[in-house]
Amino acid sequence: MEKMPIPDEEIDAVISNGAFCLAPNKEKAFKEIFRVLKPGGRISVCTSTIKMDLEPGVNWPICMRMFAHINTLKPICEAIGYENVIVDDSDSLMQYELPGFDEVKEQEQKLTEKKQDDRFKVHVGSSEFRHLKEYDMNKICARVTVIA
């Protein structure tokens, strides 16, 4: 994302669904996307963000430490030259219950005779991140789509 082997002004649209949050330098990645876009080109970048500074002293997963702060995305994009920048957080939940999930879990447990609860949670299964269970990820993080 930070160095695409594509000529300047070559692409009509750039779509990214989820990997952008792992770009080490978000500004550089947005600049590179801008470089390859034709004039009038568009972007739709889905990414995970943080909504607050991460609590110091907590062992946060590297993915969360790499998330951009939600409030920095629009200013970064506008400074680069993107127009009509929207940071859509209308579907921003990071943690939620799936409808019918309890029935699926129950069926799986009967089939496998193993507890499957943790399989659908973030960073669970590793003792290294067991402490994250105590945090409300919807207060800390948000999934957003940057459109410009």
N, C-alpha and C. Protein backbone atom coordinates (compact mmCIF):
# COMPACT_ATOMS: atom_id res chain seq x y z
N MET A 1 0.80 -1.20 0.00
CA MET A 1 0.00 0.00 0.00
C MET A 1 0.84 1.26 0.00
N GLU A 2 1.99 1.18 0.61
CA GLU A 2 2.83 2.36 0.71
C GLU A 2 3.74 2.55 -0.50
N LYS A 3 3.81 1.54 -1.36
CA LYS A 3 4.65 1.64 -2.55
C LYS A 3 4.10 0.69 -3.61
N MET A 4 3.11 1.16 -4.35
CA MET A 4 2.48 0.33 -5.37
C MET A 4 3.22 0.44 -6.69
N PRO A 5 3.44 -0.67 -7.37
CA PRO A 5 4.13 -0.65 -8.66
C PRO A 5 3.15 -0.28 -9.79
N ILE A 6 2.55 0.89 -9.65
CA ILE A 6 1.54 1.37 -10.60
C ILE A 6 1.92 2.79 -10.99
N PRO A 7 1.81 3.12 -12.29
CA PRO A 7 2.12 4.49 -12.70
C PRO A 7 1.17 5.51 -12.07
N ASP A 8 1.60 6.77 -12.05
CA ASP A 8 0.77 7.86 -11.55
C ASP A 8 -0.53 7.94 -12.34
N GLU A 9 -1.59 8.31 -11.66
CA GLU A 9 -2.89 8.60 -12.27
C GLU A 9 -3.35 7.49 -13.22
N GLU A 10 -3.27 6.26 -12.76
CA GLU A 10 -3.59 5.09 -13.58
C GLU A 10 -4.93 4.43 -13.20
N ILE A 11 -5.38 4.64 -11.98
CA ILE A 11 -6.50 3.87 -11.43
C ILE A 11 -7.74 4.76 -11.25
N ASP A 12 -8.90 4.21 -11.59
CA ASP A 12 -10.17 4.94 -11.41
C ASP A 12 -10.66 4.88 -9.97
N ALA A 13 -10.47 3.74 -9.32
CA ALA A 13 -10.98 3.56 -7.97
C ALA A 13 -10.08 2.60 -7.20
N VAL A 14 -9.94 2.87 -5.92
CA VAL A 14 -9.20 1.98 -5.03
C VAL A 14 -10.15 1.54 -3.92
N ILE A 15 -10.23 0.24 -3.74
CA ILE A 15 -11.06 -0.34 -2.69
C ILE A 15 -10.17 -1.21 -1.82
N SER A 16 -10.27 -1.00 -0.52
CA SER A 16 -9.53 -1.82 0.42
C SER A 16 -10.49 -2.24 1.51
N ASN A 17 -10.54 -3.53 1.78
CA ASN A 17 -11.48 -4.03 2.78
C ASN A 17 -10.74 -4.73 3.92
N GLY A 18 -10.16 -3.94 4.81
CA GLY A 18 -9.65 -4.52 6.04
C GLY A 18 -8.16 -4.53 6.22
N ALA A 19 -7.37 -4.55 5.17
CA ALA A 19 -5.92 -4.65 5.34
C ALA A 19 -5.27 -3.31 5.64
N PHE A 20 -5.95 -2.23 5.33
CA PHE A 20 -5.36 -0.90 5.46
C PHE A 20 -4.91 -0.61 6.89
N CYS A 21 -5.63 -1.12 7.87
CA CYS A 21 -5.30 -0.84 9.28
C CYS A 21 -3.91 -1.35 9.64
N LEU A 22 -3.37 -2.28 8.85
CA LEU A 22 -2.05 -2.83 9.16
C LEU A 22 -0.91 -2.12 8.41
N ALA A 23 -1.25 -1.13 7.60
CA ALA A 23 -0.19 -0.33 6.94
C ALA A 23 0.56 0.43 8.04
N PRO A 24 1.87 0.29 8.10
CA PRO A 24 2.63 0.95 9.17
C PRO A 24 2.48 2.47 9.18
N ASN A 25 2.41 3.09 7.99
CA ASN A 25 2.33 4.54 7.90
C ASN A 25 1.08 4.89 7.10
N LYS A 26 0.01 5.24 7.81
CA LYS A 26 -1.28 5.49 7.16
C LYS A 26 -1.21 6.67 6.19
N GLU A 27 -0.52 7.74 6.59
CA GLU A 27 -0.41 8.90 5.71
C GLU A 27 0.30 8.53 4.41
N LYS A 28 1.37 7.79 4.52
CA LYS A 28 2.10 7.36 3.32
C LYS A 28 1.23 6.48 2.43
N ALA A 29 0.44 5.61 3.03
CA ALA A 29 -0.45 4.74 2.26
C ALA A 29 -1.52 5.57 1.54
N PHE A 30 -2.13 6.54 2.25
CA PHE A 30 -3.13 7.39 1.60
C PHE A 30 -2.50 8.23 0.49
N LYS A 31 -1.25 8.69 0.67
CA LYS A 31 -0.55 9.45 -0.38
C LYS A 31 -0.31 8.58 -1.60
N GLU A 32 0.07 7.34 -1.37
CA GLU A 32 0.33 6.42 -2.49
C GLU A 32 -0.95 6.13 -3.26
N ILE A 33 -2.03 5.95 -2.54
CA ILE A 33 -3.32 5.74 -3.22
C ILE A 33 -3.67 6.98 -4.05
N PHE A 34 -3.47 8.15 -3.47
CA PHE A 34 -3.77 9.40 -4.18
C PHE A 34 -2.92 9.51 -5.45
N ARG A 35 -1.67 9.11 -5.36
CA ARG A 35 -0.75 9.18 -6.51
C ARG A 35 -1.25 8.34 -7.68
N VAL A 36 -1.75 7.15 -7.40
CA VAL A 36 -2.15 6.25 -8.50
C VAL A 36 -3.55 6.54 -9.03
N LEU A 37 -4.34 7.34 -8.30
CA LEU A 37 -5.69 7.66 -8.75
C LEU A 37 -5.68 8.66 -9.90
N LYS A 38 -6.54 8.42 -10.88
CA LYS A 38 -6.76 9.40 -11.93
C LYS A 38 -7.47 10.60 -11.32
N PRO A 39 -7.34 11.79 -11.93
CA PRO A 39 -8.12 12.92 -11.43
C PRO A 39 -9.61 12.54 -11.41
N GLY A 40 -10.25 12.83 -10.31
CA GLY A 40 -11.65 12.44 -10.15
C GLY A 40 -11.84 11.02 -9.66
N GLY A 41 -10.73 10.29 -9.43
CA GLY A 41 -10.81 8.91 -8.94
C GLY A 41 -11.38 8.87 -7.53
N ARG A 42 -11.77 7.69 -7.12
CA ARG A 42 -12.45 7.55 -5.82
C ARG A 42 -11.82 6.44 -5.00
N ILE A 43 -11.98 6.56 -3.69
CA ILE A 43 -11.52 5.51 -2.78
C ILE A 43 -12.64 5.09 -1.85
N SER A 44 -12.56 3.84 -1.44
CA SER A 44 -13.39 3.30 -0.37
C SER A 44 -12.49 2.37 0.42
N VAL A 45 -12.07 2.84 1.59
CA VAL A 45 -11.12 2.11 2.41
C VAL A 45 -11.78 1.74 3.73
N CYS A 46 -12.03 0.46 3.92
CA CYS A 46 -12.58 -0.02 5.19
C CYS A 46 -11.40 -0.34 6.10
N THR A 47 -11.45 0.17 7.31
CA THR A 47 -10.32 -0.02 8.21
C THR A 47 -10.79 0.00 9.66
N SER A 48 -10.01 -0.60 10.50
CA SER A 48 -10.26 -0.55 11.94
C SER A 48 -9.49 0.62 12.51
N THR A 49 -10.08 1.28 13.50
CA THR A 49 -9.47 2.45 14.12
C THR A 49 -9.59 2.35 15.63
N ILE A 50 -8.87 3.24 16.31
CA ILE A 50 -9.10 3.40 17.74
C ILE A 50 -9.85 4.71 17.94
N LYS A 51 -10.67 4.75 18.99
CA LYS A 51 -11.44 5.95 19.29
C LYS A 51 -10.87 6.71 20.48
N MET A 52 -9.90 6.13 21.13
CA MET A 52 -9.25 6.75 22.29
C MET A 52 -7.83 6.20 22.36
N ASP A 53 -6.99 6.90 23.11
CA ASP A 53 -5.64 6.39 23.29
C ASP A 53 -5.72 5.07 24.07
N LEU A 54 -4.91 4.12 23.65
CA LEU A 54 -4.89 2.84 24.35
C LEU A 54 -4.25 3.01 25.72
N GLU A 55 -4.85 2.37 26.69
CA GLU A 55 -4.38 2.45 28.07
C GLU A 55 -2.92 1.98 28.16
N PRO A 56 -2.04 2.82 28.72
CA PRO A 56 -0.64 2.41 28.85
C PRO A 56 -0.48 1.23 29.79
N GLY A 57 0.53 0.44 29.55
CA GLY A 57 0.83 -0.69 30.42
C GLY A 57 0.03 -1.94 30.11
N VAL A 58 -0.90 -1.85 29.15
CA VAL A 58 -1.70 -3.01 28.76
C VAL A 58 -1.04 -3.66 27.56
N ASN A 59 -1.01 -4.97 27.53
CA ASN A 59 -0.46 -5.70 26.39
C ASN A 59 -1.52 -5.75 25.28
N TRP A 60 -1.52 -4.73 24.42
CA TRP A 60 -2.46 -4.68 23.30
C TRP A 60 -1.89 -5.45 22.13
N PRO A 61 -2.71 -6.14 21.36
CA PRO A 61 -2.21 -6.83 20.16
C PRO A 61 -1.61 -5.80 19.19
N ILE A 62 -0.64 -6.23 18.43
CA ILE A 62 0.02 -5.31 17.50
C ILE A 62 -0.96 -4.69 16.53
N CYS A 63 -1.99 -5.44 16.12
CA CYS A 63 -2.96 -4.87 15.19
C CYS A 63 -3.61 -3.62 15.79
N MET A 64 -3.99 -3.68 17.06
CA MET A 64 -4.62 -2.53 17.70
C MET A 64 -3.64 -1.37 17.86
N ARG A 65 -2.39 -1.68 18.12
CA ARG A 65 -1.38 -0.62 18.26
C ARG A 65 -1.12 0.06 16.93
N MET A 66 -1.45 -0.61 15.83
CA MET A 66 -1.25 -0.03 14.50
C MET A 66 -2.47 0.71 13.98
N PHE A 67 -3.61 0.58 14.63
CA PHE A 67 -4.81 1.28 14.17
C PHE A 67 -4.59 2.79 14.26
N ALA A 68 -5.10 3.52 13.26
CA ALA A 68 -5.08 4.98 13.31
C ALA A 68 -6.19 5.45 14.25
N HIS A 69 -6.02 6.63 14.82
CA HIS A 69 -7.10 7.22 15.60
C HIS A 69 -8.16 7.70 14.61
N ILE A 70 -9.41 7.41 14.90
CA ILE A 70 -10.51 7.73 14.00
C ILE A 70 -10.52 9.21 13.61
N ASN A 71 -10.14 10.10 14.53
CA ASN A 71 -10.19 11.54 14.27
C ASN A 71 -9.06 12.03 13.37
N THR A 72 -8.07 11.18 13.06
CA THR A 72 -6.96 11.62 12.22
C THR A 72 -7.20 11.34 10.74
N LEU A 73 -8.13 10.45 10.42
CA LEU A 73 -8.29 10.01 9.04
C LEU A 73 -8.72 11.13 8.08
N LYS A 74 -9.75 11.85 8.44
CA LYS A 74 -10.24 12.93 7.55
C LYS A 74 -9.19 14.02 7.36
N PRO A 75 -8.57 14.54 8.43
CA PRO A 75 -7.54 15.57 8.22
C PRO A 75 -6.35 15.09 7.38
N ILE A 76 -5.94 13.85 7.57
CA ILE A 76 -4.83 13.31 6.76
C ILE A 76 -5.23 13.32 5.28
N CYS A 77 -6.41 12.80 4.99
CA CYS A 77 -6.86 12.71 3.60
C CYS A 77 -7.03 14.09 2.97
N GLU A 78 -7.61 15.02 3.71
CA GLU A 78 -7.82 16.37 3.17
C GLU A 78 -6.49 17.07 2.92
N ALA A 79 -5.51 16.89 3.80
CA ALA A 79 -4.20 17.51 3.62
C ALA A 79 -3.49 16.96 2.38
N ILE A 80 -3.75 15.72 2.04
CA ILE A 80 -3.15 15.10 0.85
C ILE A 80 -3.78 15.65 -0.42
N GLY A 81 -5.06 16.01 -0.34
CA GLY A 81 -5.75 16.54 -1.52
C GLY A 81 -7.05 15.84 -1.87
N TYR A 82 -7.43 14.84 -1.10
CA TYR A 82 -8.71 14.18 -1.33
C TYR A 82 -9.83 15.18 -1.11
N GLU A 83 -10.90 15.01 -1.85
CA GLU A 83 -12.07 15.88 -1.72
C GLU A 83 -13.27 15.07 -1.26
N ASN A 84 -14.22 15.77 -0.66
CA ASN A 84 -15.47 15.13 -0.20
C ASN A 84 -15.18 13.92 0.69
N VAL A 85 -14.29 14.08 1.64
CA VAL A 85 -13.88 12.98 2.51
C VAL A 85 -14.97 12.71 3.54
N ILE A 86 -15.37 11.46 3.61
CA ILE A 86 -16.34 11.02 4.60
C ILE A 86 -15.72 9.85 5.35
N VAL A 87 -15.81 9.87 6.67
CA VAL A 87 -15.42 8.73 7.50
C VAL A 87 -16.73 8.16 8.03
N ASP A 88 -17.19 7.12 7.39
CA ASP A 88 -18.49 6.52 7.72
C ASP A 88 -18.32 5.51 8.85
N ASP A 89 -18.91 5.82 9.99
CA ASP A 89 -18.84 4.91 11.13
C ASP A 89 -20.22 4.33 11.46
N SER A 90 -21.09 4.27 10.46
CA SER A 90 -22.46 3.81 10.70
C SER A 90 -22.55 2.31 11.01
N ASP A 91 -21.52 1.56 10.68
CA ASP A 91 -21.49 0.12 10.99
C ASP A 91 -20.17 -0.18 11.68
N SER A 92 -19.95 0.45 12.83
CA SER A 92 -18.61 0.48 13.42
C SER A 92 -18.34 -0.55 14.50
N LEU A 93 -19.31 -1.36 14.84
CA LEU A 93 -19.09 -2.28 15.95
C LEU A 93 -17.98 -3.27 15.68
N MET A 94 -17.14 -3.48 16.67
CA MET A 94 -16.04 -4.44 16.58
C MET A 94 -16.42 -5.76 17.24
N GLN A 95 -17.37 -5.69 18.16
CA GLN A 95 -17.74 -6.85 18.95
C GLN A 95 -19.26 -6.87 19.04
N TYR A 96 -19.87 -7.98 18.64
CA TYR A 96 -21.32 -8.07 18.68
C TYR A 96 -21.74 -9.53 18.65
N GLU A 97 -22.95 -9.76 19.05
CA GLU A 97 -23.52 -11.10 19.01
C GLU A 97 -24.21 -11.31 17.68
N LEU A 98 -24.00 -12.43 17.08
CA LEU A 98 -24.67 -12.77 15.83
C LEU A 98 -26.03 -13.38 16.11
N PRO A 99 -27.07 -12.95 15.36
CA PRO A 99 -28.39 -13.56 15.56
C PRO A 99 -28.31 -15.07 15.32
N GLY A 100 -28.92 -15.82 16.21
CA GLY A 100 -28.92 -17.27 16.08
C GLY A 100 -27.62 -17.92 16.49
N PHE A 101 -26.68 -17.13 16.98
CA PHE A 101 -25.36 -17.65 17.32
C PHE A 101 -25.42 -18.70 18.42
N ASP A 102 -26.28 -18.47 19.43
CA ASP A 102 -26.37 -19.43 20.53
C ASP A 102 -26.80 -20.81 20.03
N GLU A 103 -27.72 -20.84 19.08
CA GLU A 103 -28.17 -22.12 18.52
C GLU A 103 -27.03 -22.82 17.77
N VAL A 104 -26.26 -22.03 17.02
CA VAL A 104 -25.11 -22.59 16.28
C VAL A 104 -24.08 -23.14 17.25
N LYS A 105 -23.78 -22.38 18.31
CA LYS A 105 -22.82 -22.84 19.32
C LYS A 105 -23.28 -24.14 19.95
N GLU A 106 -24.55 -24.19 20.27
CA GLU A 106 -25.11 -25.38 20.90
C GLU A 106 -24.98 -26.60 19.99
N GLN A 107 -25.28 -26.44 18.72
CA GLN A 107 -25.15 -27.55 17.77
C GLN A 107 -23.71 -27.98 17.62
N GLU A 108 -22.80 -27.01 17.52
CA GLU A 108 -21.38 -27.35 17.39
C GLU A 108 -20.88 -28.08 18.62
N GLN A 109 -21.31 -27.64 19.78
CA GLN A 109 -20.86 -28.29 21.01
C GLN A 109 -21.33 -29.73 21.06
N LYS A 110 -22.54 -29.97 20.61
CA LYS A 110 -23.05 -31.33 20.58
C LYS A 110 -22.26 -32.18 19.60
N LEU A 111 -21.91 -31.59 18.47
CA LEU A 111 -21.19 -32.34 17.44
C LEU A 111 -19.74 -32.62 17.84
N THR A 112 -19.11 -31.64 18.42
CA THR A 112 -17.67 -31.78 18.70
C THR A 112 -17.37 -32.11 20.16
N GLU A 113 -18.37 -31.96 21.01
CA GLU A 113 -18.20 -32.16 22.44
C GLU A 113 -17.08 -31.28 23.01
N LYS A 114 -16.86 -30.13 22.36
CA LYS A 114 -15.88 -29.16 22.83
C LYS A 114 -16.59 -27.83 22.99
N LYS A 115 -16.08 -27.04 23.90
CA LYS A 115 -16.63 -25.70 24.09
C LYS A 115 -16.13 -24.80 22.95
N GLN A 116 -17.05 -24.16 22.23
CA GLN A 116 -16.68 -23.35 21.06
C GLN A 116 -16.85 -21.85 21.31
N ASP A 117 -17.19 -21.43 22.51
CA ASP A 117 -17.49 -20.03 22.79
C ASP A 117 -16.41 -19.08 22.27
N ASP A 118 -15.17 -19.36 22.56
CA ASP A 118 -14.10 -18.43 22.30
C ASP A 118 -13.68 -18.34 20.84
N ARG A 119 -14.12 -19.26 20.02
CA ARG A 119 -13.70 -19.29 18.63
C ARG A 119 -14.12 -18.03 17.87
N PHE A 120 -15.18 -17.37 18.29
CA PHE A 120 -15.69 -16.22 17.57
C PHE A 120 -15.35 -14.89 18.23
N LYS A 121 -14.42 -14.88 19.17
CA LYS A 121 -14.04 -13.67 19.86
C LYS A 121 -12.65 -13.24 19.43
N VAL A 122 -12.37 -11.95 19.61
CA VAL A 122 -11.08 -11.39 19.20
C VAL A 122 -9.99 -11.77 20.17
N HIS A 123 -8.90 -12.28 19.65
CA HIS A 123 -7.70 -12.60 20.42
C HIS A 123 -7.96 -13.45 21.66
N VAL A 124 -8.83 -14.41 21.51
CA VAL A 124 -9.11 -15.31 22.61
C VAL A 124 -8.49 -16.66 22.27
N GLY A 125 -8.14 -17.38 23.29
CA GLY A 125 -7.51 -18.68 23.06
C GLY A 125 -6.05 -18.64 23.44
N SER A 126 -5.51 -17.45 23.50
CA SER A 126 -4.13 -17.26 23.89
C SER A 126 -4.12 -16.61 25.27
N SER A 127 -3.36 -17.17 26.17
CA SER A 127 -3.30 -16.58 27.51
C SER A 127 -2.71 -15.17 27.45
N GLU A 128 -1.94 -14.89 26.42
CA GLU A 128 -1.31 -13.57 26.28
C GLU A 128 -2.36 -12.45 26.20
N PHE A 129 -3.53 -12.74 25.62
CA PHE A 129 -4.54 -11.70 25.44
C PHE A 129 -5.82 -11.98 26.23
N ARG A 130 -5.75 -12.84 27.20
CA ARG A 130 -6.92 -13.16 28.02
C ARG A 130 -7.49 -11.92 28.71
N HIS A 131 -6.61 -10.99 29.07
CA HIS A 131 -7.04 -9.77 29.76
C HIS A 131 -7.96 -8.89 28.92
N LEU A 132 -7.96 -9.04 27.61
CA LEU A 132 -8.80 -8.21 26.74
C LEU A 132 -10.29 -8.49 26.92
N LYS A 133 -10.59 -9.64 27.49
CA LYS A 133 -11.98 -10.00 27.76
C LYS A 133 -12.67 -8.95 28.62
N GLU A 134 -11.91 -8.25 29.43
CA GLU A 134 -12.45 -7.26 30.36
C GLU A 134 -12.74 -5.92 29.69
N TYR A 135 -12.33 -5.74 28.45
CA TYR A 135 -12.49 -4.46 27.77
C TYR A 135 -13.66 -4.51 26.79
N ASP A 136 -14.35 -3.38 26.66
CA ASP A 136 -15.42 -3.23 25.69
C ASP A 136 -14.79 -2.68 24.40
N MET A 137 -14.56 -3.55 23.44
CA MET A 137 -13.89 -3.16 22.21
C MET A 137 -14.69 -2.13 21.42
N ASN A 138 -16.00 -2.07 21.62
CA ASN A 138 -16.80 -1.07 20.92
C ASN A 138 -16.56 0.34 21.45
N LYS A 139 -16.07 0.46 22.66
CA LYS A 139 -15.72 1.78 23.21
C LYS A 139 -14.31 2.19 22.78
N ILE A 140 -13.47 1.22 22.54
CA ILE A 140 -12.06 1.48 22.22
C ILE A 140 -11.83 1.61 20.72
N CYS A 141 -12.50 0.78 19.94
CA CYS A 141 -12.23 0.69 18.51
C CYS A 141 -13.50 0.89 17.69
N ALA A 142 -13.30 1.14 16.40
CA ALA A 142 -14.42 1.26 15.47
C ALA A 142 -13.97 0.83 14.09
N ARG A 143 -14.84 0.12 13.40
CA ARG A 143 -14.63 -0.17 11.98
C ARG A 143 -15.24 0.98 11.20
N VAL A 144 -14.51 1.54 10.27
CA VAL A 144 -15.02 2.67 9.49
C VAL A 144 -14.71 2.46 8.01
N THR A 145 -15.38 3.24 7.19
CA THR A 145 -15.07 3.29 5.76
C THR A 145 -14.74 4.72 5.41
N VAL A 146 -13.56 4.92 4.86
CA VAL A 146 -13.14 6.25 4.40
C VAL A 146 -13.48 6.32 2.91
N ILE A 147 -14.31 7.30 2.58
CA ILE A 147 -14.75 7.48 1.20
C ILE A 147 -14.29 8.86 0.76
N ALA A 148 -13.75 8.96 -0.44
CA ALA A 148 -13.32 10.27 -0.93
C ALA A 148 -13.29 10.24 -2.46
